[in-house]
C-alpha atoms as a PDB file:
ATOM      1  CA  UNK A   1     -10.015 -30.218  12.928  1.00  0.00           C
ATOM      2  CA  UNK A   2      -7.505 -29.062  10.341  1.00  0.00           C
ATOM      3  CA  UNK A   3      -7.922 -27.772   6.804  1.00  0.00           C
ATOM      4  CA  UNK A   4      -6.935 -31.105   5.251  1.00  0.00           C
ATOM      5  CA  UNK A   5      -9.670 -32.908   7.211  1.00  0.00           C
ATOM      6  CA  UNK A   6     -12.140 -30.211   6.237  1.00  0.00           C
ATOM      7  CA  UNK A   7     -11.249 -30.649   2.575  1.00  0.00           C
ATOM      8  CA  UNK A   8     -11.754 -34.404   2.876  1.00  0.00           C
ATOM      9  CA  UNK A   9     -15.116 -33.937   4.591  1.00  0.00           C
ATOM     10  CA  UNK A  10     -16.420 -31.509   1.952  1.00  0.00           C
ATOM     11  CA  UNK A  11     -15.470 -33.926  -0.838  1.00  0.00           C
ATOM     12  CA  UNK A  12     -17.376 -36.803   0.824  1.00  0.00           C
ATOM     13  CA  UNK A  13     -20.306 -34.528   1.719  1.00  0.00           C
ATOM     14  CA  UNK A  14     -20.661 -33.310  -1.861  1.00  0.00           C
ATOM     15  CA  UNK A  15     -20.229 -36.738  -3.457  1.00  0.00           C
ATOM     16  CA  UNK A  16     -22.092 -38.683  -0.725  1.00  0.00           C
ATOM     17  CA  UNK A  17     -19.898 -41.592  -1.732  1.00  0.00           C
ATOM     18  CA  UNK A  18     -16.520 -42.483  -0.225  1.00  0.00           C
ATOM     19  CA  UNK A  19     -15.242 -44.099  -3.396  1.00  0.00           C
ATOM     20  CA  UNK A  20     -16.012 -41.152  -5.661  1.00  0.00           C
ATOM     21  CA  UNK A  21     -14.673 -38.720  -3.041  1.00  0.00           C
ATOM     22  CA  UNK A  22     -11.417 -40.701  -2.790  1.00  0.00           C
ATOM     23  CA  UNK A  23     -11.051 -40.646  -6.572  1.00  0.00           C
ATOM     24  CA  UNK A  24     -11.712 -36.888  -6.592  1.00  0.00           C
ATOM     25  CA  UNK A  25      -9.051 -36.390  -3.931  1.00  0.00           C
ATOM     26  CA  UNK A  26      -6.639 -38.744  -5.728  1.00  0.00           C
ATOM     27  CA  UNK A  27      -6.230 -41.008  -2.711  1.00  0.00           C
ATOM     28  CA  UNK A  28      -7.236 -44.483  -1.576  1.00  0.00           C
ATOM     29  CA  UNK A  29     -10.615 -44.979   0.092  1.00  0.00           C
ATOM     30  CA  UNK A  30      -9.460 -46.590   3.401  1.00  0.00           C
ATOM     31  CA  UNK A  31      -7.298 -43.623   4.518  1.00  0.00           C
ATOM     32  CA  UNK A  32     -10.125 -41.261   3.563  1.00  0.00           C
ATOM     33  CA  UNK A  33     -12.571 -43.236   5.697  1.00  0.00           C
ATOM     34  CA  UNK A  34     -10.089 -43.147   8.591  1.00  0.00           C
ATOM     35  CA  UNK A  35      -9.699 -39.367   8.266  1.00  0.00           C
ATOM     36  CA  UNK A  36     -13.471 -38.819   8.369  1.00  0.00           C
ATOM     37  CA  UNK A  37     -13.783 -41.133  11.383  1.00  0.00           C
ATOM     38  CA  UNK A  38     -11.006 -39.253  13.149  1.00  0.00           C
ATOM     39  CA  UNK A  39     -12.713 -35.952  12.354  1.00  0.00           C
ATOM     40  CA  UNK A  40     -15.970 -37.178  13.874  1.00  0.00           C
ATOM     41  CA  UNK A  41     -14.116 -38.266  17.001  1.00  0.00           C
ATOM     42  CA  UNK A  42     -12.312 -34.920  17.242  1.00  0.00           C
ATOM     43  CA  UNK A  43     -15.551 -32.991  16.868  1.00  0.00           C
ATOM     44  CA  UNK A  44     -17.616 -35.309  19.029  1.00  0.00           C
ATOM     45  CA  UNK A  45     -20.348 -35.541  16.391  1.00  0.00           C
ATOM     46  CA  UNK A  46     -21.484 -38.018  13.744  1.00  0.00           C
ATOM     47  CA  UNK A  47     -21.356 -36.323  10.362  1.00  0.00           C
ATOM     48  CA  UNK A  48     -22.742 -39.041   8.100  1.00  0.00           C
ATOM     49  CA  UNK A  49     -25.582 -41.533   8.306  1.00  0.00           C
ATOM     50  CA  UNK A  50     -23.941 -44.623   6.850  1.00  0.00           C
ATOM     51  CA  UNK A  51     -26.433 -46.934   5.159  1.00  0.00           C
ATOM     52  CA  UNK A  52     -25.842 -50.135   3.205  1.00  0.00           C
ATOM     53  CA  UNK A  53     -26.500 -48.531  -0.171  1.00  0.00           C
ATOM     54  CA  UNK A  54     -26.001 -44.830   0.506  1.00  0.00           C
ATOM     55  CA  UNK A  55     -24.775 -42.268   2.990  1.00  0.00           C
ATOM     56  CA  UNK A  56     -26.456 -39.022   3.976  1.00  0.00           C
ATOM     57  CA  UNK A  57     -25.466 -36.020   6.040  1.00  0.00           C
ATOM     58  CA  UNK A  58     -26.579 -35.672   9.608  1.00  0.00           C
ATOM     59  CA  UNK A  59     -27.719 -32.270  10.892  1.00  0.00           C
ATOM     60  CA  UNK A  60     -24.193 -31.788  12.248  1.00  0.00           C
ATOM     61  CA  UNK A  61     -22.783 -32.727   8.849  1.00  0.00           C
ATOM     62  CA  UNK A  62     -25.075 -30.300   7.036  1.00  0.00           C
ATOM     63  CA  UNK A  63     -23.977 -27.484   9.334  1.00  0.00           C
ATOM     64  CA  UNK A  64     -20.293 -28.347   8.901  1.00  0.00           C
ATOM     65  CA  UNK A  65     -20.674 -28.484   5.114  1.00  0.00           C
ATOM     66  CA  UNK A  66     -22.211 -25.010   5.041  1.00  0.00           C
ATOM     67  CA  UNK A  67     -19.689 -23.477   7.398  1.00  0.00           C
ATOM     68  CA  UNK A  68     -16.773 -25.436   5.967  1.00  0.00           C
ATOM     69  CA  UNK A  69     -17.343 -24.105   2.450  1.00  0.00           C
ATOM     70  CA  UNK A  70     -17.308 -20.587   3.852  1.00  0.00           C
ATOM     71  CA  UNK A  71     -14.105 -21.281   5.780  1.00  0.00           C
ATOM     72  CA  UNK A  72     -12.301 -22.657   2.719  1.00  0.00           C
ATOM     73  CA  UNK A  73     -13.546 -19.786   0.558  1.00  0.00           C
ATOM     74  CA  UNK A  74     -12.239 -17.305   3.130  1.00  0.00           C
ATOM     75  CA  UNK A  75      -8.914 -19.132   3.192  1.00  0.00           C
ATOM     76  CA  UNK A  76      -8.622 -18.982  -0.600  1.00  0.00           C
ATOM     77  CA  UNK A  77      -9.507 -15.284  -0.573  1.00  0.00           C
ATOM     78  CA  UNK A  78      -6.935 -14.650   2.160  1.00  0.00           C
ATOM     79  CA  UNK A  79      -4.245 -16.513   0.229  1.00  0.00           C
ATOM     80  CA  UNK A  80      -5.036 -14.478  -2.885  1.00  0.00           C
ATOM     81  CA  UNK A  81      -5.013 -11.186  -0.972  1.00  0.00           C
ATOM     82  CA  UNK A  82      -1.712 -11.990   0.736  1.00  0.00           C
ATOM     83  CA  UNK A  83      -0.184 -13.096  -2.578  1.00  0.00           C
ATOM     84  CA  UNK A  84      -1.297  -9.864  -4.285  1.00  0.00           C
ATOM     85  CA  UNK A  85       0.085  -7.815  -1.403  1.00  0.00           C
ATOM     86  CA  UNK A  86       3.359  -9.715  -1.618  1.00  0.00           C
ATOM     87  CA  UNK A  87       3.533  -9.034  -5.362  1.00  0.00           C
ATOM     88  CA  UNK A  88       2.694  -5.369  -4.876  1.00  0.00           C
ATOM     89  CA  UNK A  89      -0.564  -5.688  -6.834  1.00  0.00           C
ATOM     90  CA  UNK A  90      -2.610  -4.154  -4.018  1.00  0.00           C
ATOM     91  CA  UNK A  91      -2.080  -2.486  -0.672  1.00  0.00           C
ATOM     92  CA  UNK A  92      -1.061   1.052   0.294  1.00  0.00           C
ATOM     93  CA  UNK A  93       1.831   3.343  -0.560  1.00  0.00           C
ATOM     94  CA  UNK A  94       2.505   6.601   1.292  1.00  0.00           C
ATOM     95  CA  UNK A  95       4.322   9.171  -0.837  1.00  0.00           C
ATOM     96  CA  UNK A  96       5.769  12.505   0.256  1.00  0.00           C
ATOM     97  CA  UNK A  97       6.949  15.181  -2.160  1.00  0.00           C
ATOM     98  CA  UNK A  98       8.227  18.732  -2.407  1.00  0.00           C
ATOM     99  CA  UNK A  99       5.733  21.056  -4.066  1.00  0.00           C
ATOM    100  CA  UNK A 100       7.897  21.757  -7.110  1.00  0.00           C
ATOM    101  CA  UNK A 101       7.788  18.050  -8.061  1.00  0.00           C
ATOM    102  CA  UNK A 102       4.173  18.457  -9.173  1.00  0.00           C
ATOM    103  CA  UNK A 103       5.294  20.767 -11.999  1.00  0.00           C
ATOM    104  CA  UNK A 104       7.749  18.182 -13.327  1.00  0.00           C
ATOM    105  CA  UNK A 105       7.683  14.415 -13.632  1.00  0.00           C
ATOM    106  CA  UNK A 106       5.725  13.459 -10.501  1.00  0.00           C
ATOM    107  CA  UNK A 107       2.291  13.496 -12.206  1.00  0.00           C
ATOM    108  CA  UNK A 108       3.618  11.242 -14.973  1.00  0.00           C
ATOM    109  CA  UNK A 109       5.123   8.870 -12.406  1.00  0.00           C
ATOM    110  CA  UNK A 110       1.835   8.632 -10.514  1.00  0.00           C
ATOM    111  CA  UNK A 111      -0.065   8.107 -13.772  1.00  0.00           C
ATOM    112  CA  UNK A 112       2.284   5.344 -14.897  1.00  0.00           C
ATOM    113  CA  UNK A 113       2.236   3.605 -11.518  1.00  0.00           C
ATOM    114  CA  UNK A 114      -1.546   3.779 -11.379  1.00  0.00           C
ATOM    115  CA  UNK A 115      -1.772   2.193 -14.842  1.00  0.00           C
ATOM    116  CA  UNK A 116       0.399  -0.732 -13.708  1.00  0.00           C
ATOM    117  CA  UNK A 117      -0.935  -1.125 -10.165  1.00  0.00           C
ATOM    118  CA  UNK A 118      -4.544   0.132 -10.137  1.00  0.00           C
ATOM    119  CA  UNK A 119      -5.449  -1.601  -6.850  1.00  0.00           C
ATOM    120  CA  UNK A 120      -2.740   0.017  -4.719  1.00  0.00           C
ATOM    121  CA  UNK A 121      -4.053   2.903  -2.630  1.00  0.00           C
ATOM    122  CA  UNK A 122      -1.829   5.970  -2.861  1.00  0.00           C
ATOM    123  CA  UNK A 123      -1.531   8.614  -0.175  1.00  0.00           C
ATOM    124  CA  UNK A 124       0.288  11.748  -1.387  1.00  0.00           C
ATOM    125  CA  UNK A 125       1.490  14.385   1.074  1.00  0.00           C
ATOM    126  CA  UNK A 126       3.277  17.669   0.176  1.00  0.00           C
ATOM    127  CA  UNK A 127       6.090  18.562   2.564  1.00  0.00           C
ATOM    128  CA  UNK A 128       9.358  20.442   2.652  1.00  0.00           C
ATOM    129  CA  UNK A 129      12.652  18.579   2.766  1.00  0.00           C
ATOM    130  CA  UNK A 130      13.048  18.632   6.541  1.00  0.00           C
ATOM    131  CA  UNK A 131       9.547  17.228   7.026  1.00  0.00           C
ATOM    132  CA  UNK A 132      10.170  14.564   4.386  1.00  0.00           C
ATOM    133  CA  UNK A 133      13.360  13.527   6.165  1.00  0.00           C
ATOM    134  CA  UNK A 134      11.650  13.304   9.533  1.00  0.00           C
ATOM    135  CA  UNK A 135       8.676  11.355   8.144  1.00  0.00           C
ATOM    136  CA  UNK A 136      10.913   8.849   6.394  1.00  0.00           C
ATOM    137  CA  UNK A 137      12.950   8.304   9.572  1.00  0.00           C
ATOM    138  CA  UNK A 138       9.763   7.720  11.586  1.00  0.00           C
ATOM    139  CA  UNK A 139       8.325   5.460   8.844  1.00  0.00           C
ATOM    140  CA  UNK A 140       5.289   7.680   8.403  1.00  0.00           C
ATOM    141  CA  UNK A 141       6.085   7.731   4.674  1.00  0.00           C
ATOM    142  CA  UNK A 142       7.307   4.938   2.402  1.00  0.00           C
ATOM    143  CA  UNK A 143       8.956   6.942  -0.382  1.00  0.00           C
ATOM    144  CA  UNK A 144       9.634  10.655  -0.873  1.00  0.00           C
ATOM    145  CA  UNK A 145      10.580  13.041  -3.664  1.00  0.00           C
ATOM    146  CA  UNK A 146      13.088  15.537  -2.334  1.00  0.00           C
ATOM    147  CA  UNK A 147      14.925  18.618  -3.571  1.00  0.00           C
ATOM    148  CA  UNK A 148      17.803  18.576  -2.821  1.00  0.00           C
ATOM    149  CA  UNK A 149      18.545  14.889  -2.158  1.00  0.00           C
ATOM    150  CA  UNK A 150      18.112  13.762   1.442  1.00  0.00           C
ATOM    151  CA  UNK A 151      21.359  12.891   3.177  1.00  0.00           C
ATOM    152  CA  UNK A 152      21.057  10.085   5.704  1.00  0.00           C
ATOM    153  CA  UNK A 153      22.973   6.791   6.112  1.00  0.00           C
ATOM    154  CA  UNK A 154      19.624   5.018   6.563  1.00  0.00           C
ATOM    155  CA  UNK A 155      18.303   6.186   3.156  1.00  0.00           C
ATOM    156  CA  UNK A 156      18.748   5.128  -0.436  1.00  0.00           C
ATOM    157  CA  UNK A 157      18.420   7.938  -2.985  1.00  0.00           C
ATOM    158  CA  UNK A 158      17.903   7.612  -6.733  1.00  0.00           C
ATOM    159  CA  UNK A 159      18.615  10.558  -9.014  1.00  0.00           C
ATOM    160  CA  UNK A 160      15.694  11.359 -11.301  1.00  0.00           C
ATOM    161  CA  UNK A 161      16.195  14.691 -13.076  1.00  0.00           C
ATOM    162  CA  UNK A 162      18.412  17.744 -12.855  1.00  0.00           C
ATOM    163  CA  UNK A 163      17.070  21.181 -13.749  1.00  0.00           C
ATOM    164  CA  UNK A 164      18.518  24.640 -14.023  1.00  0.00           C
ATOM    165  CA  UNK A 165      17.174  27.409 -11.819  1.00  0.00           C
ATOM    166  CA  UNK A 166      15.113  30.108 -13.511  1.00  0.00           C
ATOM    167  CA  UNK A 167      13.457  33.325 -12.440  1.00  0.00           C
ATOM    168  CA  UNK A 168       9.760  33.813 -11.754  1.00  0.00           C
ATOM    169  CA  UNK A 169       8.830  37.496 -11.796  1.00  0.00           C
ATOM    170  CA  UNK A 170       5.663  39.621 -11.987  1.00  0.00           C
ATOM    171  CA  UNK A 171       4.409  40.198 -15.520  1.00  0.00           C
ATOM    172  CA  UNK A 172       4.193  43.922 -14.741  1.00  0.00           C
ATOM    173  CA  UNK A 173       8.002  44.071 -14.844  1.00  0.00           C
ATOM    174  CA  UNK A 174       9.000  45.371 -18.278  1.00  0.00           C
ATOM    175  CA  UNK A 175      11.470  42.912 -19.783  1.00  0.00           C
ATOM    176  CA  UNK A 176      10.816  43.772 -23.411  1.00  0.00           C
ATOM    177  CA  UNK A 177      11.589  40.819 -25.655  1.00  0.00           C
ATOM    178  CA  UNK A 178      14.286  39.432 -23.378  1.00  0.00           C
ATOM    179  CA  UNK A 179      14.126  35.773 -22.430  1.00  0.00           C
ATOM    180  CA  UNK A 180      16.987  35.978 -19.947  1.00  0.00           C
ATOM    181  CA  UNK A 181      17.655  38.067 -16.844  1.00  0.00           C
ATOM    182  CA  UNK A 182      21.004  39.295 -15.577  1.00  0.00           C
ATOM    183  CA  UNK A 183      21.629  38.221 -11.999  1.00  0.00           C
ATOM    184  CA  UNK A 184      22.741  41.680 -10.889  1.00  0.00           C
ATOM    185  CA  UNK A 185      19.344  43.082 -11.859  1.00  0.00           C
ATOM    186  CA  UNK A 186      17.579  40.623  -9.603  1.00  0.00           C
ATOM    187  CA  UNK A 187      19.034  42.310  -6.564  1.00  0.00           C
ATOM    188  CA  UNK A 188      16.835  45.371  -7.107  1.00  0.00           C
ATOM    189  CA  UNK A 189      13.774  43.256  -6.291  1.00  0.00           C
ATOM    190  CA  UNK A 190      12.682  41.490  -3.151  1.00  0.00           C
ATOM    191  CA  UNK A 191      13.824  37.875  -3.360  1.00  0.00           C
ATOM    192  CA  UNK A 192      11.038  35.553  -2.212  1.00  0.00           C
ATOM    193  CA  UNK A 193      12.408  32.476  -0.459  1.00  0.00           C
ATOM    194  CA  UNK A 194      10.804  29.262   0.791  1.00  0.00           C
ATOM    195  CA  UNK A 195      10.493  27.499   3.122  1.00  0.00           C
ATOM    196  CA  UNK A 196      11.267  29.771   6.035  1.00  0.00           C
ATOM    197  CA  UNK A 197      11.560  26.829   8.395  1.00  0.00           C
ATOM    198  CA  UNK A 198      12.740  24.265   9.198  1.00  0.00           C
ATOM    199  CA  UNK A 199      16.215  24.831   7.835  1.00  0.00           C
ATOM    200  CA  UNK A 200      18.404  24.023   5.989  1.00  0.00           C
ATOM    201  CA  UNK A 201      16.130  23.891   2.979  1.00  0.00           C
ATOM    202  CA  UNK A 202      15.729  24.718  -0.688  1.00  0.00           C
ATOM    203  CA  UNK A 203      15.973  28.395   0.313  1.00  0.00           C
ATOM    204  CA  UNK A 204      19.513  27.863   1.576  1.00  0.00           C
ATOM    205  CA  UNK A 205      20.485  26.249  -1.704  1.00  0.00           C
ATOM    206  CA  UNK A 206      19.183  29.311  -3.581  1.00  0.00           C
ATOM    207  CA  UNK A 207      20.985  31.736  -1.290  1.00  0.00           C
ATOM    208  CA  UNK A 208      24.244  29.796  -1.654  1.00  0.00           C
ATOM    209  CA  UNK A 209      23.880  29.792  -5.456  1.00  0.00           C
ATOM    210  CA  UNK A 210      23.393  33.569  -5.461  1.00  0.00           C
ATOM    211  CA  UNK A 211      26.313  34.109  -3.109  1.00  0.00           C
ATOM    212  CA  UNK A 212      28.572  31.761  -5.110  1.00  0.00           C
ATOM    213  CA  UNK A 213      27.798  33.915  -8.152  1.00  0.00           C
ATOM    214  CA  UNK A 214      29.170  36.913  -6.249  1.00  0.00           C
ATOM    215  CA  UNK A 215      25.955  38.617  -5.201  1.00  0.00           C
ATOM    216  CA  UNK A 216      23.898  39.110  -2.074  1.00  0.00           C
ATOM    217  CA  UNK A 217      20.145  39.205  -1.644  1.00  0.00           C
ATOM    218  CA  UNK A 218      19.559  41.833   1.033  1.00  0.00           C
ATOM    219  CA  UNK A 219      15.840  42.270   0.241  1.00  0.00           C
ATOM    220  CA  UNK A 220      14.205  39.024   1.319  1.00  0.00           C
ATOM    221  CA  UNK A 221      10.632  37.877   1.786  1.00  0.00           C
ATOM    222  CA  UNK A 222      10.147  34.528   3.470  1.00  0.00           C
ATOM    223  CA  UNK A 223       7.189  32.158   3.089  1.00  0.00           C
ATOM    224  CA  UNK A 224       6.491  28.502   3.814  1.00  0.00           C
ATOM    225  CA  UNK A 225       5.988  26.847   0.416  1.00  0.00           C
ATOM    226  CA  UNK A 226       6.277  27.196  -3.339  1.00  0.00           C
ATOM    227  CA  UNK A 227       2.607  27.914  -3.967  1.00  0.00           C
ATOM    228  CA  UNK A 228       2.665  30.846  -1.557  1.00  0.00           C
ATOM    229  CA  UNK A 229       5.885  32.099  -3.117  1.00  0.00           C
ATOM    230  CA  UNK A 230       4.339  32.036  -6.604  1.00  0.00           C
ATOM    231  CA  UNK A 231       1.252  33.852  -5.336  1.00  0.00           C
ATOM    232  CA  UNK A 232       3.462  36.600  -3.892  1.00  0.00           C
ATOM    233  CA  UNK A 233       5.274  36.903  -7.223  1.00  0.00           C
ATOM    234  CA  UNK A 234       1.969  37.133  -9.086  1.00  0.00           C
ATOM    235  CA  UNK A 235       0.807  40.090  -6.970  1.00  0.00           C
ATOM    236  CA  UNK A 236       4.084  41.926  -7.495  1.00  0.00           C
ATOM    237  CA  UNK A 237       5.787  41.402  -4.126  1.00  0.00           C
ATOM    238  CA  UNK A 238       9.072  40.238  -5.591  1.00  0.00           C
ATOM    239  CA  UNK A 239      10.838  37.601  -7.656  1.00  0.00           C
ATOM    240  CA  UNK A 240      11.547  33.967  -6.913  1.00  0.00           C
ATOM    241  CA  UNK A 241      14.191  31.540  -8.132  1.00  0.00           C
ATOM    242  CA  UNK A 242      12.509  28.237  -8.995  1.00  0.00           C
ATOM    243  CA  UNK A 243      13.280  24.945 -10.791  1.00  0.00           C
ATOM    244  CA  UNK A 244      12.840  25.118 -14.560  1.00  0.00           C
ATOM    245  CA  UNK A 245       9.869  22.717 -14.570  1.00  0.00           C
ATOM    246  CA  UNK A 246       7.755  25.249 -12.640  1.00  0.00           C
ATOM    247  CA  UNK A 247       7.442  27.155 -15.927  1.00  0.00           C
ATOM    248  CA  UNK A 248       5.494  24.187 -17.337  1.00  0.00           C
ATOM    249  CA  UNK A 249       2.368  25.532 -15.636  1.00  0.00           C
ATOM    250  CA  UNK A 250       1.780  29.145 -16.732  1.00  0.00           C
ATOM    251  CA  UNK A 251       0.309  31.280 -13.997  1.00  0.00           C
ATOM    252  CA  UNK A 252      -1.620  34.514 -14.305  1.00  0.00           C
ATOM    253  CA  UNK A 253       0.356  37.536 -13.181  1.00  0.00           C
ATOM    254  CA  UNK A 254       3.857  36.171 -13.726  1.00  0.00           C
ATOM    255  CA  UNK A 255       6.393  35.158 -16.319  1.00  0.00           C
ATOM    256  CA  UNK A 256       9.606  33.190 -16.361  1.00  0.00           C
ATOM    257  CA  UNK A 257      13.094  34.061 -17.582  1.00  0.00           C
ATOM    258  CA  UNK A 258      16.350  32.158 -17.727  1.00  0.00           C
ATOM    259  CA  UNK A 259      19.072  33.489 -15.447  1.00  0.00           C
ATOM    260  CA  UNK A 260      22.300  34.563 -17.108  1.00  0.00           C
ATOM    261  CA  UNK A 261      24.789  33.309 -16.295  1.00  0.00           C
ATOM    262  CA  UNK A 262      23.285  30.062 -15.027  1.00  0.00           C
ATOM    263  CA  UNK A 263      23.782  30.011 -11.253  1.00  0.00           C
ATOM    264  CA  UNK A 264      23.041  26.429 -10.271  1.00  0.00           C
ATOM    265  CA  UNK A 265      21.127  23.265 -10.960  1.00  0.00           C
ATOM    266  CA  UNK A 266      18.729  21.458  -8.682  1.00  0.00           C
ATOM    267  CA  UNK A 267      18.236  17.715  -8.486  1.00  0.00           C
ATOM    268  CA  UNK A 268      14.966  15.914  -7.849  1.00  0.00           C
ATOM    269  CA  UNK A 269      15.478  12.502  -6.278  1.00  0.00           C
ATOM    270  CA  UNK A 270      13.334   9.675  -4.984  1.00  0.00           C
ATOM    271  CA  UNK A 271      14.345   8.525  -1.496  1.00  0.00           C
ATOM    272  CA  UNK A 272      13.417   5.547   0.663  1.00  0.00           C
ATOM    273  CA  UNK A 273      14.740   3.656   3.659  1.00  0.00           C
ATOM    274  CA  UNK A 274      17.739   1.364   3.290  1.00  0.00           C
ATOM    275  CA  UNK A 275      15.918  -1.348   5.262  1.00  0.00           C
ATOM    276  CA  UNK A 276      12.732  -1.050   3.208  1.00  0.00           C
ATOM    277  CA  UNK A 277      11.784  -4.565   2.075  1.00  0.00           C
ATOM    278  CA  UNK A 278       8.321  -3.883   0.669  1.00  0.00           C
ATOM    279  CA  UNK A 279       7.776  -4.716  -2.990  1.00  0.00           C
ATOM    280  CA  UNK A 280       5.466  -1.683  -3.340  1.00  0.00           C
ATOM    281  CA  UNK A 281       8.378   0.724  -2.888  1.00  0.00           C
ATOM    282  CA  UNK A 282      10.593  -1.285  -5.239  1.00  0.00           C
ATOM    283  CA  UNK A 283       7.931  -1.255  -7.957  1.00  0.00           C
ATOM    284  CA  UNK A 284       7.292   2.451  -7.489  1.00  0.00           C
ATOM    285  CA  UNK A 285      10.962   3.428  -7.622  1.00  0.00           C
ATOM    286  CA  UNK A 286      11.479   1.334 -10.756  1.00  0.00           C
ATOM    287  CA  UNK A 287       8.623   3.125 -12.498  1.00  0.00           C
ATOM    288  CA  UNK A 288       9.878   6.521 -11.294  1.00  0.00           C
ATOM    289  CA  UNK A 289      13.277   5.829 -12.845  1.00  0.00           C
ATOM    290  CA  UNK A 290      11.738   4.643 -16.123  1.00  0.00           C
ATOM    291  CA  UNK A 291       9.609   7.794 -16.375  1.00  0.00           C
ATOM    292  CA  UNK A 292      12.631   9.960 -15.537  1.00  0.00           C
ATOM    293  CA  UNK A 293      14.668   8.382 -18.332  1.00  0.00           C
ATOM    294  CA  UNK A 294      11.945   9.363 -20.809  1.00  0.00           C
ATOM    295  CA  UNK A 295      11.532  12.864 -19.368  1.00  0.00           C
ATOM    296  CA  UNK A 296      12.348  15.826 -21.667  1.00  0.00           C
ATOM    297  CA  UNK A 297      13.884  17.621 -18.678  1.00  0.00           C
ATOM    298  CA  UNK A 298      17.650  17.716 -18.926  1.00  0.00           C
ATOM    299  CA  UNK A 299      19.384  15.226 -16.674  1.00  0.00           C
ATOM    300  CA  UNK A 300      22.719  17.007 -16.486  1.00  0.00           C
END
């Protein structure tokens, strides 16, 4: 039995008339009768009681009609589900991100994507750059937001925003009315760096920026992520150099100052595999780029 035969059978079973069923199926009656006869032979069961003036379903026919409708309904549902998956309208998307992305455009990207694709399940996982790289290589993630951009011949990277680096420091530090901090003064405080491992990481970018400006940071405190670093700043353990967007979320116990002169800029990018063929990733990256173009954050 194939789906075409099943469709023919259901039409005859519902009409209980070969002529009307043939008209409904837009075909001639003789080939329809032959198809039903062939189906009965294939199944080894008589499906219709054929009388002179009417036909009725046998018990086998009644059972096939009930089950056949379910089978065709399941097929239609499957076709719809597969089509929606193919169009990116539903399914799953696994997203990795550095912690600082949550202070910038990532929430707006997620919000915009959710508005356009409400039936796609999102899994969001915070990681440092090295973990993001490893997870993208192993296909444990579909798309990642990295800082700095991931370098790998198997990846495609799209620039989103570029931000200057600013200083997060305890609010107990007397800065008067100043809105900027001289870099040489930073060296009198512990410099809180993250992540401690694996390396290289955002911490190495910060250290290079400080060294390129002609200074060293001998007093260092290491931690594993941005949230921990900000907590250490808030309790007065030191200062931390962070992307400008981090200042978008005021935090008790700390304040933010521009660094003078500006030491470096940091880029947030969206990265995915070169061989990624899924439409979900394509749709997501397109929305991420649209949101980035509208972002008030300077793009360099």
